[in-house]
């Protein structure tokens, strides 16, 4: 387990009881090894029914869509979603689950670790494609890993303040997906597919230099 930089749990998982039991054990092992975990898709179905899997784990990120977020709010806060106080409710939800980071997907992505709330509202695509959430969770995993590695490598001699790496990963991942989706829609319009967004990721971003630029961004915002 220690060989992993980050785990993404949920995309394509399904709800077979045996698989969910296996994933529960994997999450427990990842926590013991202090491995960051991004929970998406059916992983959120599992975690909502078993909050103890992630509760109190600051390296856990939940990425719910509208329906998944509603289920979380009903389970944890015992109320309905309040869009009039979206920031406050998200803050309370993340805090109530013990400081996990929640990326609430929507027209604007809202992100909170129970301490602060950030919004990413860069223009994306007016067309929603199945599988976009998988790109988001994977992108968040990459940026979270980079941010955490930089912070750990510079402990005692930090070139950036020890900002929560889960927040940094979510902000960067959300912005990246929105930019790629916007570029894909410019080319494909209403026929845009998730594969087109992935193609824009590779065409637009050189990941050999993206890491350096990400670190420069971290220094700038801190």
C-alpha atoms as a PDB file:
ATOM      1  CA  UNK A   1       0.000   0.000   0.000  1.00  0.00           C
ATOM      2  CA  UNK A   2       2.857   2.408   0.781  1.00  0.00           C
ATOM      3  CA  UNK A   3       3.829   2.348  -2.906  1.00  0.00           C
ATOM      4  CA  UNK A   4       0.701   4.293  -3.841  1.00  0.00           C
ATOM      5  CA  UNK A   5       0.729   8.085  -3.960  1.00  0.00           C
ATOM      6  CA  UNK A   6      -3.067   8.266  -3.968  1.00  0.00           C
ATOM      7  CA  UNK A   7      -6.158   6.077  -4.416  1.00  0.00           C
ATOM      8  CA  UNK A   8      -9.282   6.849  -6.450  1.00  0.00           C
ATOM      9  CA  UNK A   9     -12.196   4.734  -5.273  1.00  0.00           C
ATOM     10  CA  UNK A  10     -15.583   4.439  -6.949  1.00  0.00           C
ATOM     11  CA  UNK A  11     -15.585   5.014 -10.727  1.00  0.00           C
ATOM     12  CA  UNK A  12     -16.994   1.892 -12.372  1.00  0.00           C
ATOM     13  CA  UNK A  13     -17.152   0.102  -9.019  1.00  0.00           C
ATOM     14  CA  UNK A  14     -20.772  -1.022  -8.945  1.00  0.00           C
ATOM     15  CA  UNK A  15     -22.613  -2.103  -5.805  1.00  0.00           C
ATOM     16  CA  UNK A  16     -21.893  -5.801  -5.513  1.00  0.00           C
ATOM     17  CA  UNK A  17     -21.753  -6.511  -1.745  1.00  0.00           C
ATOM     18  CA  UNK A  18     -18.558  -8.556  -2.011  1.00  0.00           C
ATOM     19  CA  UNK A  19     -16.765  -5.801  -3.940  1.00  0.00           C
ATOM     20  CA  UNK A  20     -17.951  -3.158  -1.478  1.00  0.00           C
ATOM     21  CA  UNK A  21     -16.603  -5.246   1.407  1.00  0.00           C
ATOM     22  CA  UNK A  22     -13.251  -5.523  -0.379  1.00  0.00           C
ATOM     23  CA  UNK A  23     -13.149  -1.779  -1.014  1.00  0.00           C
ATOM     24  CA  UNK A  24     -13.957  -1.097   2.638  1.00  0.00           C
ATOM     25  CA  UNK A  25     -10.862  -3.050   3.654  1.00  0.00           C
ATOM     26  CA  UNK A  26      -8.745  -1.228   1.067  1.00  0.00           C
ATOM     27  CA  UNK A  27      -9.884   2.137   2.447  1.00  0.00           C
ATOM     28  CA  UNK A  28      -8.999   1.026   5.977  1.00  0.00           C
ATOM     29  CA  UNK A  29      -5.539  -0.060   4.849  1.00  0.00           C
ATOM     30  CA  UNK A  30      -5.024   3.220   2.987  1.00  0.00           C
ATOM     31  CA  UNK A  31      -5.911   5.181   6.125  1.00  0.00           C
ATOM     32  CA  UNK A  32      -3.427   3.221   8.184  1.00  0.00           C
ATOM     33  CA  UNK A  33      -0.738   3.988   5.599  1.00  0.00           C
ATOM     34  CA  UNK A  34      -1.753   7.694   5.368  1.00  0.00           C
ATOM     35  CA  UNK A  35      -2.527   7.381   1.656  1.00  0.00           C
ATOM     36  CA  UNK A  36      -4.827  10.096   0.223  1.00  0.00           C
ATOM     37  CA  UNK A  37      -8.161   8.773  -1.042  1.00  0.00           C
ATOM     38  CA  UNK A  38     -10.592  10.303  -3.532  1.00  0.00           C
ATOM     39  CA  UNK A  39     -14.097   8.841  -3.242  1.00  0.00           C
ATOM     40  CA  UNK A  40     -16.410   9.153  -6.244  1.00  0.00           C
ATOM     41  CA  UNK A  41     -19.334   7.355  -7.852  1.00  0.00           C
ATOM     42  CA  UNK A  42     -20.397   4.173  -6.099  1.00  0.00           C
ATOM     43  CA  UNK A  43     -17.631   4.742  -3.579  1.00  0.00           C
ATOM     44  CA  UNK A  44     -19.848   7.549  -2.252  1.00  0.00           C
ATOM     45  CA  UNK A  45     -22.747   5.106  -1.963  1.00  0.00           C
ATOM     46  CA  UNK A  46     -20.519   2.920   0.211  1.00  0.00           C
ATOM     47  CA  UNK A  47     -19.130   5.746   2.327  1.00  0.00           C
ATOM     48  CA  UNK A  48     -22.497   7.424   2.924  1.00  0.00           C
ATOM     49  CA  UNK A  49     -23.722   4.205   4.523  1.00  0.00           C
ATOM     50  CA  UNK A  50     -20.409   3.697   6.368  1.00  0.00           C
ATOM     51  CA  UNK A  51     -19.169   7.155   7.334  1.00  0.00           C
ATOM     52  CA  UNK A  52     -16.657   5.678   9.764  1.00  0.00           C
ATOM     53  CA  UNK A  53     -14.540   4.662   6.770  1.00  0.00           C
ATOM     54  CA  UNK A  54     -13.534   8.287   6.162  1.00  0.00           C
ATOM     55  CA  UNK A  55     -14.706  10.230   9.210  1.00  0.00           C
ATOM     56  CA  UNK A  56     -11.829  12.129  10.792  1.00  0.00           C
ATOM     57  CA  UNK A  57      -9.447  11.347   7.919  1.00  0.00           C
ATOM     58  CA  UNK A  58      -8.084  14.658   6.545  1.00  0.00           C
ATOM     59  CA  UNK A  59      -6.605  13.022   3.431  1.00  0.00           C
ATOM     60  CA  UNK A  60     -10.028  11.876   2.188  1.00  0.00           C
ATOM     61  CA  UNK A  61     -11.841  13.745  -0.585  1.00  0.00           C
ATOM     62  CA  UNK A  62     -15.494  13.172  -1.488  1.00  0.00           C
ATOM     63  CA  UNK A  63     -16.658  14.364  -4.923  1.00  0.00           C
ATOM     64  CA  UNK A  64     -20.479  14.151  -4.912  1.00  0.00           C
ATOM     65  CA  UNK A  65     -22.788  15.184  -7.722  1.00  0.00           C
ATOM     66  CA  UNK A  66     -26.226  16.677  -7.019  1.00  0.00           C
ATOM     67  CA  UNK A  67     -27.932  13.446  -5.965  1.00  0.00           C
ATOM     68  CA  UNK A  68     -24.935  12.091  -4.052  1.00  0.00           C
ATOM     69  CA  UNK A  69     -24.605  15.369  -2.181  1.00  0.00           C
ATOM     70  CA  UNK A  70     -28.297  15.337  -1.278  1.00  0.00           C
ATOM     71  CA  UNK A  71     -27.919  11.849   0.162  1.00  0.00           C
ATOM     72  CA  UNK A  72     -24.880  12.908   2.205  1.00  0.00           C
ATOM     73  CA  UNK A  73     -26.667  15.959   3.610  1.00  0.00           C
ATOM     74  CA  UNK A  74     -29.717  13.917   4.570  1.00  0.00           C
ATOM     75  CA  UNK A  75     -27.570  11.270   6.233  1.00  0.00           C
ATOM     76  CA  UNK A  76     -25.136  13.531   8.111  1.00  0.00           C
ATOM     77  CA  UNK A  77     -27.044  16.752   8.757  1.00  0.00           C
ATOM     78  CA  UNK A  78     -30.528  15.205   8.820  1.00  0.00           C
ATOM     79  CA  UNK A  79     -31.969  17.945   6.620  1.00  0.00           C
ATOM     80  CA  UNK A  80     -32.432  18.879   2.977  1.00  0.00           C
ATOM     81  CA  UNK A  81     -29.949  20.681   0.741  1.00  0.00           C
ATOM     82  CA  UNK A  82     -30.038  24.440   1.330  1.00  0.00           C
ATOM     83  CA  UNK A  83     -28.818  26.256  -1.760  1.00  0.00           C
ATOM     84  CA  UNK A  84     -29.498  29.612  -0.103  1.00  0.00           C
ATOM     85  CA  UNK A  85     -26.653  28.860   2.300  1.00  0.00           C
ATOM     86  CA  UNK A  86     -24.636  26.503   0.115  1.00  0.00           C
ATOM     87  CA  UNK A  87     -21.271  27.599   1.512  1.00  0.00           C
ATOM     88  CA  UNK A  88     -22.347  27.342   5.138  1.00  0.00           C
ATOM     89  CA  UNK A  89     -24.006  23.975   4.707  1.00  0.00           C
ATOM     90  CA  UNK A  90     -21.000  22.521   2.890  1.00  0.00           C
ATOM     91  CA  UNK A  91     -18.709  23.809   5.631  1.00  0.00           C
ATOM     92  CA  UNK A  92     -20.899  22.181   8.290  1.00  0.00           C
ATOM     93  CA  UNK A  93     -21.057  18.918   6.358  1.00  0.00           C
ATOM     94  CA  UNK A  94     -17.282  18.631   5.947  1.00  0.00           C
ATOM     95  CA  UNK A  95     -16.747  19.535   9.595  1.00  0.00           C
ATOM     96  CA  UNK A  96     -19.378  17.044  10.753  1.00  0.00           C
ATOM     97  CA  UNK A  97     -17.598  14.219   8.899  1.00  0.00           C
ATOM     98  CA  UNK A  98     -14.424  15.082  10.748  1.00  0.00           C
ATOM     99  CA  UNK A  99     -12.593  17.390   8.388  1.00  0.00           C
ATOM    100  CA  UNK A 100     -12.734  15.429   5.147  1.00  0.00           C
ATOM    101  CA  UNK A 101     -12.635  17.581   2.023  1.00  0.00           C
ATOM    102  CA  UNK A 102     -15.802  17.721  -0.065  1.00  0.00           C
ATOM    103  CA  UNK A 103     -15.905  18.877  -3.669  1.00  0.00           C
ATOM    104  CA  UNK A 104     -19.543  19.564  -4.453  1.00  0.00           C
ATOM    105  CA  UNK A 105     -19.897  19.420  -8.227  1.00  0.00           C
ATOM    106  CA  UNK A 106     -22.243  21.886  -9.902  1.00  0.00           C
ATOM    107  CA  UNK A 107     -22.458  25.026 -12.029  1.00  0.00           C
ATOM    108  CA  UNK A 108     -19.722  26.255  -9.718  1.00  0.00           C
ATOM    109  CA  UNK A 109     -17.725  23.638  -7.850  1.00  0.00           C
ATOM    110  CA  UNK A 110     -17.732  24.288  -4.097  1.00  0.00           C
ATOM    111  CA  UNK A 111     -14.891  22.886  -2.013  1.00  0.00           C
ATOM    112  CA  UNK A 112     -14.539  22.721   1.771  1.00  0.00           C
ATOM    113  CA  UNK A 113     -12.387  20.930   4.334  1.00  0.00           C
ATOM    114  CA  UNK A 114     -14.512  22.044   7.274  1.00  0.00           C
ATOM    115  CA  UNK A 115     -12.353  25.129   7.821  1.00  0.00           C
ATOM    116  CA  UNK A 116     -12.757  27.164   4.637  1.00  0.00           C
ATOM    117  CA  UNK A 117     -14.891  27.129   1.484  1.00  0.00           C
ATOM    118  CA  UNK A 118     -13.571  27.835  -2.008  1.00  0.00           C
ATOM    119  CA  UNK A 119     -15.453  28.117  -5.287  1.00  0.00           C
ATOM    120  CA  UNK A 120     -14.229  27.270  -8.786  1.00  0.00           C
ATOM    121  CA  UNK A 121     -16.470  28.892 -11.371  1.00  0.00           C
ATOM    122  CA  UNK A 122     -14.263  28.993 -14.479  1.00  0.00           C
ATOM    123  CA  UNK A 123     -16.414  28.515 -17.564  1.00  0.00           C
ATOM    124  CA  UNK A 124     -16.506  24.873 -18.630  1.00  0.00           C
ATOM    125  CA  UNK A 125     -18.893  23.267 -21.099  1.00  0.00           C
ATOM    126  CA  UNK A 126     -22.692  23.644 -21.314  1.00  0.00           C
ATOM    127  CA  UNK A 127     -22.841  19.964 -22.223  1.00  0.00           C
ATOM    128  CA  UNK A 128     -22.452  17.410 -19.454  1.00  0.00           C
ATOM    129  CA  UNK A 129     -20.817  14.141 -20.573  1.00  0.00           C
ATOM    130  CA  UNK A 130     -20.949  10.842 -18.734  1.00  0.00           C
ATOM    131  CA  UNK A 131     -17.488  10.121 -17.385  1.00  0.00           C
ATOM    132  CA  UNK A 132     -16.503  13.724 -16.700  1.00  0.00           C
ATOM    133  CA  UNK A 133     -16.511  12.931 -13.003  1.00  0.00           C
ATOM    134  CA  UNK A 134     -13.918  10.222 -13.582  1.00  0.00           C
ATOM    135  CA  UNK A 135     -11.611  12.757 -15.239  1.00  0.00           C
ATOM    136  CA  UNK A 136     -12.138  15.104 -12.313  1.00  0.00           C
ATOM    137  CA  UNK A 137     -11.326  12.522  -9.646  1.00  0.00           C
ATOM    138  CA  UNK A 138      -8.200  11.442 -11.537  1.00  0.00           C
ATOM    139  CA  UNK A 139      -7.056  15.041 -12.009  1.00  0.00           C
ATOM    140  CA  UNK A 140      -7.631  15.811  -8.333  1.00  0.00           C
ATOM    141  CA  UNK A 141      -5.573  12.733  -7.423  1.00  0.00           C
ATOM    142  CA  UNK A 142      -2.620  13.944  -9.501  1.00  0.00           C
ATOM    143  CA  UNK A 143      -2.614  17.479  -8.112  1.00  0.00           C
ATOM    144  CA  UNK A 144      -3.215  16.305  -4.546  1.00  0.00           C
ATOM    145  CA  UNK A 145      -0.236  13.956  -4.824  1.00  0.00           C
ATOM    146  CA  UNK A 146       2.011  16.700  -6.190  1.00  0.00           C
ATOM    147  CA  UNK A 147       0.981  19.179  -3.497  1.00  0.00           C
ATOM    148  CA  UNK A 148       1.458  16.657  -0.714  1.00  0.00           C
ATOM    149  CA  UNK A 149       4.848  15.534  -2.028  1.00  0.00           C
ATOM    150  CA  UNK A 150       6.052  19.131  -2.155  1.00  0.00           C
ATOM    151  CA  UNK A 151       4.856  19.848   1.382  1.00  0.00           C
ATOM    152  CA  UNK A 152       6.375  16.642   2.773  1.00  0.00           C
ATOM    153  CA  UNK A 153       9.672  17.145   0.925  1.00  0.00           C
ATOM    154  CA  UNK A 154      10.079  20.607   2.411  1.00  0.00           C
ATOM    155  CA  UNK A 155       9.040  19.962   6.007  1.00  0.00           C
ATOM    156  CA  UNK A 156      11.199  22.134   8.215  1.00  0.00           C
ATOM    157  CA  UNK A 157      12.142  24.252   5.215  1.00  0.00           C
ATOM    158  CA  UNK A 158       8.792  25.000   3.614  1.00  0.00           C
ATOM    159  CA  UNK A 159       8.790  27.090   0.469  1.00  0.00           C
ATOM    160  CA  UNK A 160       4.998  27.221   0.768  1.00  0.00           C
ATOM    161  CA  UNK A 161       2.793  27.305   3.825  1.00  0.00           C
ATOM    162  CA  UNK A 162       1.365  23.901   4.809  1.00  0.00           C
ATOM    163  CA  UNK A 163      -1.975  24.566   3.120  1.00  0.00           C
ATOM    164  CA  UNK A 164      -4.263  21.550   3.118  1.00  0.00           C
ATOM    165  CA  UNK A 165      -3.123  19.607   0.014  1.00  0.00           C
ATOM    166  CA  UNK A 166      -6.631  18.211  -0.485  1.00  0.00           C
ATOM    167  CA  UNK A 167      -7.985  21.725  -1.022  1.00  0.00           C
ATOM    168  CA  UNK A 168      -5.179  22.533  -3.463  1.00  0.00           C
ATOM    169  CA  UNK A 169      -5.771  19.301  -5.381  1.00  0.00           C
ATOM    170  CA  UNK A 170      -9.504  19.949  -5.681  1.00  0.00           C
ATOM    171  CA  UNK A 171      -9.091  23.534  -6.861  1.00  0.00           C
ATOM    172  CA  UNK A 172      -6.498  22.626  -9.504  1.00  0.00           C
ATOM    173  CA  UNK A 173      -8.353  19.506 -10.669  1.00  0.00           C
ATOM    174  CA  UNK A 174     -11.631  21.373 -11.032  1.00  0.00           C
ATOM    175  CA  UNK A 175     -10.010  24.219 -12.971  1.00  0.00           C
ATOM    176  CA  UNK A 176      -8.215  21.773 -15.277  1.00  0.00           C
ATOM    177  CA  UNK A 177     -11.377  19.836 -16.141  1.00  0.00           C
ATOM    178  CA  UNK A 178     -13.346  23.003 -16.791  1.00  0.00           C
ATOM    179  CA  UNK A 179     -10.688  24.340 -19.157  1.00  0.00           C
ATOM    180  CA  UNK A 180     -10.420  21.053 -21.051  1.00  0.00           C
ATOM    181  CA  UNK A 181     -14.223  20.755 -21.306  1.00  0.00           C
ATOM    182  CA  UNK A 182     -14.427  24.302 -22.652  1.00  0.00           C
ATOM    183  CA  UNK A 183     -11.820  23.572 -25.326  1.00  0.00           C
ATOM    184  CA  UNK A 184     -13.564  20.335 -26.304  1.00  0.00           C
ATOM    185  CA  UNK A 185     -16.920  22.083 -26.654  1.00  0.00           C
ATOM    186  CA  UNK A 186     -15.381  24.740 -28.890  1.00  0.00           C
ATOM    187  CA  UNK A 187     -14.434  21.956 -31.315  1.00  0.00           C
ATOM    188  CA  UNK A 188     -17.312  19.490 -30.967  1.00  0.00           C
ATOM    189  CA  UNK A 189     -20.239  21.567 -29.716  1.00  0.00           C
ATOM    190  CA  UNK A 190     -23.220  19.376 -28.720  1.00  0.00           C
ATOM    191  CA  UNK A 191     -21.523  16.205 -29.951  1.00  0.00           C
ATOM    192  CA  UNK A 192     -18.771  16.554 -27.317  1.00  0.00           C
ATOM    193  CA  UNK A 193     -17.889  13.277 -25.606  1.00  0.00           C
ATOM    194  CA  UNK A 194     -15.683  12.549 -22.622  1.00  0.00           C
ATOM    195  CA  UNK A 195     -13.025  11.203 -24.998  1.00  0.00           C
ATOM    196  CA  UNK A 196     -12.863  14.659 -26.603  1.00  0.00           C
ATOM    197  CA  UNK A 197     -12.192  16.224 -23.207  1.00  0.00           C
ATOM    198  CA  UNK A 198      -9.413  13.717 -22.540  1.00  0.00           C
ATOM    199  CA  UNK A 199      -7.892  14.542 -25.926  1.00  0.00           C
ATOM    200  CA  UNK A 200      -7.870  18.225 -24.976  1.00  0.00           C
ATOM    201  CA  UNK A 201      -6.038  17.405 -21.762  1.00  0.00           C
ATOM    202  CA  UNK A 202      -3.172  15.884 -23.706  1.00  0.00           C
ATOM    203  CA  UNK A 203      -3.216  18.459 -26.482  1.00  0.00           C
ATOM    204  CA  UNK A 204      -3.397  21.470 -24.213  1.00  0.00           C
ATOM    205  CA  UNK A 205      -1.200  20.445 -21.306  1.00  0.00           C
ATOM    206  CA  UNK A 206       2.371  19.209 -21.293  1.00  0.00           C
ATOM    207  CA  UNK A 207       2.513  17.265 -18.057  1.00  0.00           C
ATOM    208  CA  UNK A 208       6.307  17.277 -18.040  1.00  0.00           C
ATOM    209  CA  UNK A 209       6.092  21.024 -17.349  1.00  0.00           C
ATOM    210  CA  UNK A 210       2.678  21.055 -15.647  1.00  0.00           C
ATOM    211  CA  UNK A 211       4.184  19.896 -12.366  1.00  0.00           C
ATOM    212  CA  UNK A 212       6.638  22.798 -12.338  1.00  0.00           C
ATOM    213  CA  UNK A 213       3.864  25.265 -13.148  1.00  0.00           C
ATOM    214  CA  UNK A 214       1.698  23.766 -10.418  1.00  0.00           C
ATOM    215  CA  UNK A 215       4.465  24.259  -7.867  1.00  0.00           C
ATOM    216  CA  UNK A 216       4.897  27.850  -9.052  1.00  0.00           C
ATOM    217  CA  UNK A 217       1.164  28.356  -8.562  1.00  0.00           C
ATOM    218  CA  UNK A 218       1.390  26.977  -5.033  1.00  0.00           C
ATOM    219  CA  UNK A 219       4.150  29.438  -4.205  1.00  0.00           C
ATOM    220  CA  UNK A 220       2.143  32.302  -5.683  1.00  0.00           C
ATOM    221  CA  UNK A 221      -1.087  31.631  -3.759  1.00  0.00           C
ATOM    222  CA  UNK A 222       0.805  31.217  -0.518  1.00  0.00           C
END
